[in-house]
Every structure is written in C-alpha cells, then in structure tokens.
Amino acid sequence: MRIDIQSRGFQLTAALRNRIERRLRFALGPAGARIRGVLVRLTDQNGPRGGIDKRCMIRATLGPAPPILIRQEDYDLYVAI
C-alpha cells in the first residue's frame, strides 16, 4: 500500500508522518493488500488564530471502485488523525 502524506499551512514533522503511517497500517491491516494507495492531506485552516481548524482528509483507492473519502476536523491535529 502506497501512502502519500501532504501538509498545507505547516511543516510536516517526522513524528507526525510516523504516527499517520502507523495508524493507517493498524486500521487497514488485513485490507491493506487490496488498497492501491492512500492520500492523506493535513491542513491548518486558521494558522495561529486557533479554533477547530486542523483538518485531516484521507482518500483510499481500491482497484476499480470509487475512492473512499474521510474528513475530520478538530482543535488538535493528532485527534483529527
């Protein structure tokens, strides 16, 4: 399974990248072989102003089926993931 992680509005750290990859491999475990790719897009909408502005969007591609899209927002990016 190919995992592509992108961040917008902040620097993606190695710790954050490792957390995302570990969580995805755990969550998708048995189905991982059938998933062609996963795109994770992280954004901070308001920057330093704060609020519920941390967004995690995950798009999983499974063969010829339409992609599965999941989006979550929170104060804390780790919680949104």
C-alpha atoms as a PDB file:
ATOM      1  CA  MET A   1       0.000   0.000   0.000  1.00  0.00           C
ATOM      2  CA  ARG A   2       1.406   3.365  -1.044  1.00  0.00           C
ATOM      3  CA  ILE A   3       0.850   6.211   1.447  1.00  0.00           C
ATOM      4  CA  ASP A   4       1.236   9.819   0.274  1.00  0.00           C
ATOM      5  CA  ILE A   5       1.155  12.452   3.045  1.00  0.00           C
ATOM      6  CA  GLN A   6       0.847  16.169   2.269  1.00  0.00           C
ATOM      7  CA  SER A   7       0.641  19.135   4.623  1.00  0.00           C
ATOM      8  CA  ARG A   8      -0.527  22.658   3.940  1.00  0.00           C
ATOM      9  CA  GLY A   9      -0.007  25.617   6.241  1.00  0.00           C
ATOM     10  CA  PHE A  10       2.637  23.959   8.434  1.00  0.00           C
ATOM     11  CA  GLN A  11       5.773  21.805   8.312  1.00  0.00           C
ATOM     12  CA  LEU A  12       5.208  18.031   8.366  1.00  0.00           C
ATOM     13  CA  THR A  13       7.403  16.510  11.077  1.00  0.00           C
ATOM     14  CA  ALA A  14       8.863  13.000  11.120  1.00  0.00           C
ATOM     15  CA  ALA A  15       6.890  12.246  14.297  1.00  0.00           C
ATOM     16  CA  LEU A  16       3.617  13.218  12.631  1.00  0.00           C
ATOM     17  CA  ARG A  17       4.451  11.220   9.499  1.00  0.00           C
ATOM     18  CA  ASN A  18       5.281   8.138  11.612  1.00  0.00           C
ATOM     19  CA  ARG A  19       2.041   8.480  13.593  1.00  0.00           C
ATOM     20  CA  ILE A  20      -0.049   8.626  10.404  1.00  0.00           C
ATOM     21  CA  GLU A  21       1.681   5.653   8.804  1.00  0.00           C
ATOM     22  CA  ARG A  22       1.391   3.567  11.986  1.00  0.00           C
ATOM     23  CA  ARG A  23      -2.315   4.400  12.446  1.00  0.00           C
ATOM     24  CA  LEU A  24      -3.134   3.630   8.802  1.00  0.00           C
ATOM     25  CA  ARG A  25      -1.310   0.303   8.786  1.00  0.00           C
ATOM     26  CA  PHE A  26      -3.081  -0.704  12.014  1.00  0.00           C
ATOM     27  CA  ALA A  27      -6.545   0.438  10.855  1.00  0.00           C
ATOM     28  CA  LEU A  28      -6.279  -1.023   7.360  1.00  0.00           C
ATOM     29  CA  GLY A  29      -4.270  -4.118   8.362  1.00  0.00           C
ATOM     30  CA  PRO A  30      -5.997  -7.065   6.642  1.00  0.00           C
ATOM     31  CA  ALA A  31      -7.409  -4.935   3.804  1.00  0.00           C
ATOM     32  CA  GLY A  32      -4.039  -3.258   3.148  1.00  0.00           C
ATOM     33  CA  ALA A  33      -3.145  -5.650   0.328  1.00  0.00           C
ATOM     34  CA  ARG A  34      -6.238  -4.637  -1.675  1.00  0.00           C
ATOM     35  CA  ILE A  35      -5.710  -0.887  -1.244  1.00  0.00           C
ATOM     36  CA  ARG A  36      -3.741   0.636  -4.108  1.00  0.00           C
ATOM     37  CA  GLY A  37      -2.946   3.922  -2.438  1.00  0.00           C
ATOM     38  CA  VAL A  38      -3.838   6.285   0.377  1.00  0.00           C
ATOM     39  CA  LEU A  39      -3.589  10.063   0.185  1.00  0.00           C
ATOM     40  CA  VAL A  40      -3.508  11.939   3.500  1.00  0.00           C
ATOM     41  CA  ARG A  41      -3.854  15.712   3.332  1.00  0.00           C
ATOM     42  CA  LEU A  42      -3.358  17.715   6.526  1.00  0.00           C
ATOM     43  CA  THR A  43      -4.275  21.396   6.717  1.00  0.00           C
ATOM     44  CA  ASP A  44      -4.292  24.157   9.308  1.00  0.00           C
ATOM     45  CA  GLN A  45      -7.029  26.500   8.134  1.00  0.00           C
ATOM     46  CA  ASN A  46      -6.574  29.430  10.558  1.00  0.00           C
ATOM     47  CA  GLY A  47      -2.876  29.203  11.371  1.00  0.00           C
ATOM     48  CA  PRO A  48      -2.036  30.761  14.746  1.00  0.00           C
ATOM     49  CA  ARG A  49      -5.575  32.081  15.311  1.00  0.00           C
ATOM     50  CA  GLY A  50      -6.656  28.628  16.548  1.00  0.00           C
ATOM     51  CA  GLY A  51     -10.116  27.096  16.704  1.00  0.00           C
ATOM     52  CA  ILE A  52     -11.412  23.885  15.176  1.00  0.00           C
ATOM     53  CA  ASP A  53      -9.235  24.370  12.148  1.00  0.00           C
ATOM     54  CA  LYS A  54      -6.991  21.297  11.918  1.00  0.00           C
ATOM     55  CA  ARG A  55      -8.241  19.045   9.129  1.00  0.00           C
ATOM     56  CA  CYS A  56      -7.254  15.522   8.150  1.00  0.00           C
ATOM     57  CA  MET A  57      -8.570  14.219   4.845  1.00  0.00           C
ATOM     58  CA  ILE A  58      -7.881  10.614   3.839  1.00  0.00           C
ATOM     59  CA  ARG A  59      -8.646   9.198   0.391  1.00  0.00           C
ATOM     60  CA  ALA A  60      -8.172   5.462  -0.170  1.00  0.00           C
ATOM     61  CA  THR A  61      -8.167   3.970  -3.663  1.00  0.00           C
ATOM     62  CA  LEU A  62      -9.359   0.372  -4.054  1.00  0.00           C
ATOM     63  CA  GLY A  63      -8.949  -1.046  -7.553  1.00  0.00           C
ATOM     64  CA  PRO A  64     -11.704  -0.067  -9.960  1.00  0.00           C
ATOM     65  CA  ALA A  65     -14.086   1.011  -7.151  1.00  0.00           C
ATOM     66  CA  PRO A  66     -14.635   4.710  -6.440  1.00  0.00           C
ATOM     67  CA  PRO A  67     -12.236   6.161  -3.834  1.00  0.00           C
ATOM     68  CA  ILE A  68     -13.280   6.276  -0.186  1.00  0.00           C
ATOM     69  CA  LEU A  69     -13.028   9.748   1.363  1.00  0.00           C
ATOM     70  CA  ILE A  70     -12.904  10.514   5.086  1.00  0.00           C
ATOM     71  CA  ARG A  71     -12.552  14.011   6.543  1.00  0.00           C
ATOM     72  CA  GLN A  72     -12.208  15.073  10.184  1.00  0.00           C
ATOM     73  CA  GLU A  73     -11.616  18.439  11.867  1.00  0.00           C
ATOM     74  CA  ASP A  74     -10.519  19.184  15.430  1.00  0.00           C
ATOM     75  CA  TYR A  75      -8.552  21.604  17.625  1.00  0.00           C
ATOM     76  CA  ASP A  76      -5.728  19.052  17.754  1.00  0.00           C
ATOM     77  CA  LEU A  77      -4.278  17.568  14.578  1.00  0.00           C
ATOM     78  CA  TYR A  78      -3.358  14.320  16.344  1.00  0.00           C
ATOM     79  CA  VAL A  79      -7.003  13.879  17.365  1.00  0.00           C
ATOM     80  CA  ALA A  80      -8.220  14.606  13.827  1.00  0.00           C
ATOM     81  CA  ILE A  81      -5.908  11.883  12.512  1.00  0.00           C
END
